[in-house]
């Protein structure tokens, strides 16, 4: 099973692209290192208070893939400087 999730987020305290990228770097690095997912910033690269992130995981079991994606989403929600606004999960 392949689970793909796209999330759109707001970063309220970012006042420059440098501040935005600082927040995103911590999130993307942690997701890549701690979870079995591939990560990327997909949208809004030039906007400093908004971002679109993508996460993909591959597993032989749908339940395990869903658990991994939910762990990543919980990790994103644990950062106080970023707010997840929309989440789109797809199964391939």
C-alpha atoms as a PDB file:
ATOM      1  CA  UNK A   1       0.000   0.000   0.000  1.00  0.00           C
ATOM      2  CA  UNK A   2       1.133   3.517  -0.782  1.00  0.00           C
ATOM      3  CA  UNK A   3      -0.265   6.323   1.345  1.00  0.00           C
ATOM      4  CA  UNK A   4       0.177   9.874   0.164  1.00  0.00           C
ATOM      5  CA  UNK A   5      -0.863  12.905   2.178  1.00  0.00           C
ATOM      6  CA  UNK A   6      -0.754  16.554   1.191  1.00  0.00           C
ATOM      7  CA  UNK A   7      -1.153  19.136   3.938  1.00  0.00           C
ATOM      8  CA  UNK A   8      -1.509  22.858   3.694  1.00  0.00           C
ATOM      9  CA  UNK A   9      -0.231  24.850   6.658  1.00  0.00           C
ATOM     10  CA  UNK A  10      -0.005  28.395   7.948  1.00  0.00           C
ATOM     11  CA  UNK A  11       3.043  29.756   9.766  1.00  0.00           C
ATOM     12  CA  UNK A  12       1.784  32.835  11.570  1.00  0.00           C
ATOM     13  CA  UNK A  13       5.041  34.004  13.170  1.00  0.00           C
ATOM     14  CA  UNK A  14       7.143  33.881   9.991  1.00  0.00           C
ATOM     15  CA  UNK A  15       7.979  37.351   8.708  1.00  0.00           C
ATOM     16  CA  UNK A  16      10.384  36.255   5.994  1.00  0.00           C
ATOM     17  CA  UNK A  17      11.196  33.260   3.822  1.00  0.00           C
ATOM     18  CA  UNK A  18      14.221  32.645   6.032  1.00  0.00           C
ATOM     19  CA  UNK A  19      12.017  32.246   9.120  1.00  0.00           C
ATOM     20  CA  UNK A  20       9.593  30.032   7.203  1.00  0.00           C
ATOM     21  CA  UNK A  21      12.373  27.778   5.960  1.00  0.00           C
ATOM     22  CA  UNK A  22      13.797  27.510   9.476  1.00  0.00           C
ATOM     23  CA  UNK A  23      10.486  26.099  10.736  1.00  0.00           C
ATOM     24  CA  UNK A  24      10.055  23.813   7.715  1.00  0.00           C
ATOM     25  CA  UNK A  25      13.611  22.496   7.915  1.00  0.00           C
ATOM     26  CA  UNK A  26      13.007  21.262  11.479  1.00  0.00           C
ATOM     27  CA  UNK A  27       9.716  19.600  10.530  1.00  0.00           C
ATOM     28  CA  UNK A  28      10.916  17.981   7.306  1.00  0.00           C
ATOM     29  CA  UNK A  29      14.190  16.762   8.826  1.00  0.00           C
ATOM     30  CA  UNK A  30      12.435  15.260  11.830  1.00  0.00           C
ATOM     31  CA  UNK A  31       9.797  13.555   9.648  1.00  0.00           C
ATOM     32  CA  UNK A  32      12.461  12.118   7.361  1.00  0.00           C
ATOM     33  CA  UNK A  33      14.683  10.894  10.211  1.00  0.00           C
ATOM     34  CA  UNK A  34      12.068   9.533  12.635  1.00  0.00           C
ATOM     35  CA  UNK A  35       9.369   8.132  10.360  1.00  0.00           C
ATOM     36  CA  UNK A  36       9.272   5.870   7.335  1.00  0.00           C
ATOM     37  CA  UNK A  37       8.194   8.635   4.932  1.00  0.00           C
ATOM     38  CA  UNK A  38       9.476  10.645   2.019  1.00  0.00           C
ATOM     39  CA  UNK A  39       8.888  14.389   2.460  1.00  0.00           C
ATOM     40  CA  UNK A  40       8.856  17.521   0.303  1.00  0.00           C
ATOM     41  CA  UNK A  41       7.541  21.060   0.201  1.00  0.00           C
ATOM     42  CA  UNK A  42       5.086  20.959  -2.704  1.00  0.00           C
ATOM     43  CA  UNK A  43       3.506  24.377  -2.881  1.00  0.00           C
ATOM     44  CA  UNK A  44       3.821  28.020  -1.853  1.00  0.00           C
ATOM     45  CA  UNK A  45       7.638  28.051  -1.806  1.00  0.00           C
ATOM     46  CA  UNK A  46       7.756  31.840  -2.288  1.00  0.00           C
ATOM     47  CA  UNK A  47       5.054  32.738   0.254  1.00  0.00           C
ATOM     48  CA  UNK A  48       6.373  33.240   3.767  1.00  0.00           C
ATOM     49  CA  UNK A  49       3.291  32.388   5.873  1.00  0.00           C
ATOM     50  CA  UNK A  50       1.872  29.469   3.910  1.00  0.00           C
ATOM     51  CA  UNK A  51       3.167  26.091   2.756  1.00  0.00           C
ATOM     52  CA  UNK A  52       2.079  22.876   1.118  1.00  0.00           C
ATOM     53  CA  UNK A  53       3.834  19.712   2.305  1.00  0.00           C
ATOM     54  CA  UNK A  54       3.735  16.179   0.943  1.00  0.00           C
ATOM     55  CA  UNK A  55       4.443  12.906   2.748  1.00  0.00           C
ATOM     56  CA  UNK A  56       4.475   9.417   1.225  1.00  0.00           C
ATOM     57  CA  UNK A  57       4.929   6.018   2.853  1.00  0.00           C
ATOM     58  CA  UNK A  58       4.975   2.503   1.442  1.00  0.00           C
ATOM     59  CA  UNK A  59       3.952  -0.547   3.439  1.00  0.00           C
ATOM     60  CA  UNK A  60       2.666  -4.061   2.842  1.00  0.00           C
ATOM     61  CA  UNK A  61      -0.186  -3.345   5.250  1.00  0.00           C
ATOM     62  CA  UNK A  62      -2.736  -0.530   4.919  1.00  0.00           C
ATOM     63  CA  UNK A  63      -3.133  -0.212   8.683  1.00  0.00           C
ATOM     64  CA  UNK A  64       0.603   0.233   9.195  1.00  0.00           C
ATOM     65  CA  UNK A  65       0.826   2.861   6.450  1.00  0.00           C
ATOM     66  CA  UNK A  66      -2.085   4.771   7.972  1.00  0.00           C
ATOM     67  CA  UNK A  67      -0.479   4.644  11.426  1.00  0.00           C
ATOM     68  CA  UNK A  68       2.768   6.058  10.032  1.00  0.00           C
ATOM     69  CA  UNK A  69       0.948   8.916   8.281  1.00  0.00           C
ATOM     70  CA  UNK A  70      -1.056   9.679  11.439  1.00  0.00           C
ATOM     71  CA  UNK A  71       2.168   9.788  13.479  1.00  0.00           C
ATOM     72  CA  UNK A  72       3.625  12.317  11.029  1.00  0.00           C
ATOM     73  CA  UNK A  73       0.465  14.439  11.190  1.00  0.00           C
ATOM     74  CA  UNK A  74       0.574  14.368  15.005  1.00  0.00           C
ATOM     75  CA  UNK A  75       4.224  15.448  14.881  1.00  0.00           C
ATOM     76  CA  UNK A  76       3.313  18.417  12.655  1.00  0.00           C
ATOM     77  CA  UNK A  77       0.521  19.366  15.060  1.00  0.00           C
ATOM     78  CA  UNK A  78       2.985  19.301  17.966  1.00  0.00           C
ATOM     79  CA  UNK A  79       4.830  22.342  16.568  1.00  0.00           C
ATOM     80  CA  UNK A  80       3.174  25.470  18.012  1.00  0.00           C
ATOM     81  CA  UNK A  81       4.430  27.765  15.232  1.00  0.00           C
ATOM     82  CA  UNK A  82       2.606  25.944  12.427  1.00  0.00           C
ATOM     83  CA  UNK A  83      -1.104  25.237  11.923  1.00  0.00           C
ATOM     84  CA  UNK A  84      -2.353  22.509   9.609  1.00  0.00           C
ATOM     85  CA  UNK A  85      -5.381  23.798   7.675  1.00  0.00           C
ATOM     86  CA  UNK A  86      -6.214  21.104   5.096  1.00  0.00           C
ATOM     87  CA  UNK A  87      -5.206  17.478   4.787  1.00  0.00           C
ATOM     88  CA  UNK A  88      -5.760  15.252   1.735  1.00  0.00           C
ATOM     89  CA  UNK A  89      -4.962  11.541   2.086  1.00  0.00           C
ATOM     90  CA  UNK A  90      -4.789   9.289  -0.975  1.00  0.00           C
ATOM     91  CA  UNK A  91      -4.214   5.579  -1.357  1.00  0.00           C
ATOM     92  CA  UNK A  92      -2.363   4.298  -4.403  1.00  0.00           C
END
